[in-house]
Protein backbone atom coordinates (compact mmCIF):
# COMPACT_ATOMS: atom_id res chain seq x y z
CA UNK A 1 11.34 -10.69 23.61
CA UNK A 2 7.65 -10.72 24.43
CA UNK A 3 5.43 -11.19 21.40
CA UNK A 4 2.57 -8.80 20.74
CA UNK A 5 -0.49 -8.90 18.51
CA UNK A 6 -0.16 -6.84 15.35
CA UNK A 7 -2.10 -4.98 12.66
CA UNK A 8 -0.52 -4.91 9.20
CA UNK A 9 -1.79 -2.30 6.74
CA UNK A 10 -1.81 -1.93 3.01
CA UNK A 11 -1.15 1.71 1.96
CA UNK A 12 -3.03 2.83 -1.17
CA UNK A 13 -6.77 2.60 -0.70
CA UNK A 14 -6.33 1.68 2.96
CA UNK A 15 -4.40 4.53 4.59
CA UNK A 16 -4.57 7.21 1.94
CA UNK A 17 -5.41 8.24 -1.63
CA UNK A 18 -2.34 9.39 -3.56
CA UNK A 19 -3.84 8.82 -7.00
CA UNK A 20 -3.69 12.43 -8.16
CA UNK A 21 -0.07 12.80 -7.07
CA UNK A 22 0.81 9.53 -8.80
CA UNK A 23 -1.02 10.57 -11.98
CA UNK A 24 0.88 13.87 -12.10
CA UNK A 25 4.20 12.13 -11.44
CA UNK A 26 3.76 9.40 -14.05
CA UNK A 27 2.76 11.88 -16.76
CA UNK A 28 5.79 14.01 -15.94
CA UNK A 29 8.15 11.03 -16.10
CA UNK A 30 6.64 9.54 -19.27
CA UNK A 31 6.62 12.87 -21.09
CA UNK A 32 10.30 13.39 -20.26
CA UNK A 33 11.33 9.86 -21.21
CA UNK A 34 9.26 9.51 -24.38
CA UNK A 35 9.28 13.24 -25.23
CA UNK A 36 5.49 13.40 -25.43
CA UNK A 37 3.55 16.64 -25.34
CA UNK A 38 0.35 15.24 -23.84
CA UNK A 39 -0.61 13.29 -20.75
CA UNK A 40 -1.34 9.62 -21.41
CA UNK A 41 -2.13 8.48 -17.85
CA UNK A 42 -5.51 9.33 -16.32
CA UNK A 43 -6.66 9.35 -12.71
CA UNK A 44 -9.02 6.45 -13.46
CA UNK A 45 -6.14 4.39 -14.86
CA UNK A 46 -4.07 4.97 -11.73
CA UNK A 47 -6.94 3.95 -9.45
CA UNK A 48 -7.19 0.70 -11.38
CA UNK A 49 -3.47 0.04 -10.97
CA UNK A 50 -3.38 0.53 -7.19
CA UNK A 51 -2.24 -2.61 -5.41
CA UNK A 52 -0.31 -3.99 -8.39
CA UNK A 53 3.45 -4.35 -8.59
CA UNK A 54 5.57 -2.01 -10.70
CA UNK A 55 6.25 -4.61 -13.45
CA UNK A 56 2.50 -5.38 -13.65
CA UNK A 57 1.66 -1.70 -14.04
CA UNK A 58 4.41 -1.13 -16.61
CA UNK A 59 3.30 -4.12 -18.67
CA UNK A 60 -0.26 -2.77 -18.72
CA UNK A 61 0.82 0.75 -19.69
CA UNK A 62 3.36 -0.35 -22.31
CA UNK A 63 2.35 -3.86 -23.46
CA UNK A 64 4.44 -3.76 -26.64
CA UNK A 65 7.57 -2.22 -25.16
CA UNK A 66 10.81 -4.07 -24.50
CA UNK A 67 10.78 -5.21 -20.88
CA UNK A 68 13.99 -3.47 -19.79
CA UNK A 69 12.93 -0.18 -21.38
CA UNK A 70 9.53 -0.44 -19.68
CA UNK A 71 11.20 -1.01 -16.30
CA UNK A 72 13.43 2.00 -16.89
CA UNK A 73 10.40 4.22 -17.52
CA UNK A 74 8.64 2.87 -14.44
CA UNK A 75 11.75 3.56 -12.37
CA UNK A 76 11.56 7.19 -13.49
CA UNK A 77 7.85 7.23 -12.63
CA UNK A 78 8.74 6.07 -9.12
CA UNK A 79 11.33 8.81 -8.70
CA UNK A 80 8.84 11.44 -9.83
CA UNK A 81 6.29 10.03 -7.37
CA UNK A 82 8.67 10.59 -4.49
CA UNK A 83 9.27 14.18 -5.63
CA UNK A 84 5.54 14.88 -6.03
CA UNK A 85 4.59 13.31 -2.69
CA UNK A 86 7.42 15.14 -0.92
CA UNK A 87 5.90 18.39 -2.20
CA UNK A 88 2.18 17.72 -1.87
CA UNK A 89 1.57 14.44 -0.02
CA UNK A 90 -1.67 12.58 -0.56
CA UNK A 91 -5.20 12.56 0.83
CA UNK A 92 -5.34 10.78 4.18
CA UNK A 93 -8.56 8.91 4.83
CA UNK A 94 -10.77 10.44 7.50
CA UNK A 95 -9.81 9.63 11.11
CA UNK A 96 -6.55 7.95 10.09
CA UNK A 97 -4.28 9.32 12.79
CA UNK A 98 -6.88 8.94 15.52
CA UNK A 99 -7.36 5.31 14.46
CA UNK A 100 -3.61 4.69 14.50
CA UNK A 101 -3.40 6.20 17.99
CA UNK A 102 -6.16 3.92 19.27
CA UNK A 103 -4.69 0.79 17.69
CA UNK A 104 -1.12 1.50 18.80
CA UNK A 105 -2.19 1.45 22.45
CA UNK A 106 -2.93 -2.29 22.13
CA UNK A 107 -1.09 -3.53 19.05
CA UNK A 108 2.11 -3.10 17.09
CA UNK A 109 1.47 -1.61 13.66
CA UNK A 110 3.18 -2.52 10.37
CA UNK A 111 2.86 -1.83 6.63
CA UNK A 112 3.24 -4.18 3.67
CA UNK A 113 2.66 -2.78 0.18
CA UNK A 114 3.36 -3.61 -3.46
CA UNK A 115 4.84 -0.15 -3.96
CA UNK A 116 8.36 0.73 -5.02
CA UNK A 117 11.17 1.39 -2.55
CA UNK A 118 10.98 4.96 -1.24
CA UNK A 119 7.19 5.30 -1.49
CA UNK A 120 6.36 4.40 2.12
CA UNK A 121 9.20 6.61 3.30
CA UNK A 122 7.71 9.53 1.31
CA UNK A 123 4.32 8.85 2.93
CA UNK A 124 5.95 8.89 6.38
CA UNK A 125 8.03 12.00 5.71
CA UNK A 126 5.24 14.21 4.40
CA UNK A 127 2.50 13.23 6.84
CA UNK A 128 4.72 12.57 9.90
CA UNK A 129 3.13 9.19 10.67
CA UNK A 130 6.17 6.93 10.67
CA UNK A 131 6.40 6.79 14.46
CA UNK A 132 3.22 4.68 14.62
CA UNK A 133 4.78 1.78 12.69
CA UNK A 134 7.33 -0.73 13.95
CA UNK A 135 8.42 -2.01 10.53
CA UNK A 136 7.39 -2.05 6.87
CA UNK A 137 8.12 -3.91 3.66
CA UNK A 138 7.40 -3.56 -0.06
CA UNK A 139 7.90 -5.46 -3.28
CA UNK A 140 10.15 -2.74 -4.68
CA UNK A 141 12.70 -3.45 -1.98
CA UNK A 142 12.50 -7.25 -1.85
CA UNK A 143 11.29 -8.23 -5.31
CA UNK A 144 8.83 -10.54 -3.58
CA UNK A 145 5.00 -10.63 -3.84
CA UNK A 146 2.87 -9.27 -1.01
CA UNK A 147 2.18 -12.62 0.63
CA UNK A 148 5.91 -13.31 1.00
CA UNK A 149 6.54 -9.79 2.31
CA UNK A 150 3.88 -10.28 4.97
CA UNK A 151 5.73 -13.45 5.95
CA UNK A 152 8.96 -11.44 6.24
CA UNK A 153 7.30 -9.02 8.66
CA UNK A 154 5.98 -11.94 10.71
CA UNK A 155 9.39 -13.61 10.79
CA UNK A 156 11.55 -10.66 11.79
CA UNK A 157 9.28 -9.10 14.42
CA UNK A 158 7.97 -10.38 17.78
CA UNK A 159 4.39 -10.95 16.62
CA UNK A 160 1.97 -13.31 18.36
CA UNK A 161 -1.07 -12.93 16.11
CA UNK A 162 -1.64 -10.56 13.19
CA UNK A 163 -4.40 -9.31 10.94
CA UNK A 164 -3.96 -7.58 7.56
CA UNK A 165 -6.15 -4.69 6.37
CA UNK A 166 -6.40 -4.02 2.64
CA UNK A 167 -8.82 -3.11 -0.13
CA UNK A 168 -8.23 -5.49 -3.04
CA UNK A 169 -8.59 -9.13 -4.00
CA UNK A 170 -4.81 -9.27 -4.25
CA UNK A 171 -4.54 -8.19 -0.62
CA UNK A 172 -6.89 -10.97 0.42
CA UNK A 173 -4.99 -13.57 -1.62
CA UNK A 174 -1.74 -12.43 0.02
CA UNK A 175 -3.16 -13.10 3.49
CA UNK A 176 -4.07 -16.63 2.42
CA UNK A 177 -0.42 -17.18 1.49
CA UNK A 178 0.74 -15.68 4.79
CA UNK A 179 -2.01 -17.54 6.68
CA UNK A 180 -3.34 -14.60 8.68
CA UNK A 181 -6.86 -13.09 8.90
CA UNK A 182 -7.97 -10.31 6.56
CA UNK A 183 -10.16 -7.22 6.99
CA UNK A 184 -11.56 -5.65 3.82
CA UNK A 185 -11.44 -1.83 3.68
CA UNK A 186 -14.65 -1.17 1.73
CA UNK A 187 -13.84 2.54 1.48
CA UNK A 188 -10.79 1.82 -0.70
CA UNK A 189 -10.28 1.34 -4.42
CA UNK A 190 -10.90 -2.36 -4.99
CA UNK A 191 -13.30 -5.22 -4.35
CA UNK A 192 -12.90 -8.57 -2.62
CA UNK A 193 -14.69 -11.68 -3.82
CA UNK A 194 -14.83 -13.49 -0.48
CA UNK A 195 -16.88 -13.52 2.70
CA UNK A 196 -14.56 -11.67 5.07
CA UNK A 197 -14.84 -9.13 7.90
CA UNK A 198 -15.05 -5.60 6.51
CA UNK A 199 -15.12 -1.95 7.53
CA UNK A 200 -16.86 0.97 5.85
CA UNK A 201 -14.57 3.61 7.36
CA UNK A 202 -11.54 4.08 9.59
CA UNK A 203 -13.58 4.45 12.77
CA UNK A 204 -14.77 0.85 12.47
CA UNK A 205 -11.27 -0.63 12.31
CA UNK A 206 -10.39 -0.84 16.05
CA UNK A 207 -13.50 -2.81 17.01
CA UNK A 208 -13.12 -5.15 14.04
CA UNK A 209 -9.46 -5.74 14.90
CA UNK A 210 -10.36 -6.43 18.52
CA UNK A 211 -12.95 -9.00 17.48
CA UNK A 212 -10.29 -10.92 15.53
CA UNK A 213 -7.17 -10.58 17.63
CA UNK A 214 -8.79 -10.83 21.05
CA UNK A 215 -11.03 -13.79 20.31
């Protein structure tokens, strides 16, 4: 099979903003599980958690809780997320679909995220964007960190060269593990402490990708 150059995307802070939906879902799940009458998760907290794995988020939310109980609560949070996103979706970043259309004419597109299993599928189902992507992977499905999941995508698909686009330091560190170039999405939620190519909005992505993959 002929190999093709590829663009691999992070999801949260790179393709869309689902923070309000996630905040609503987590508060619903936590209130049911712990029988609380008030919301304990804020939008600001969720923004700070974006890009982290489910166990990392759970440990931050419930530092004194037994690990298995914490994971059980976070599993319920994930289920509520899927319900909330199925109903209301998230906020797509400006020019997302047009950018995907442009990129897909030259490159194969993929997703690798630290989200739970079912989250990317909910994103695809609500916004009808799944047909742009050849494959995807997440830590919820594999139990592996992002760098290893990028490697999985590279191994099981006919990819010649690839670049990863994300918005956090963790995203950048993952590309070092996978040994592929990185583009920093400045418009996202996080920061990157490294001198790397960057974009201020979606419209700048195709030219930045071209400069890396066609050099």
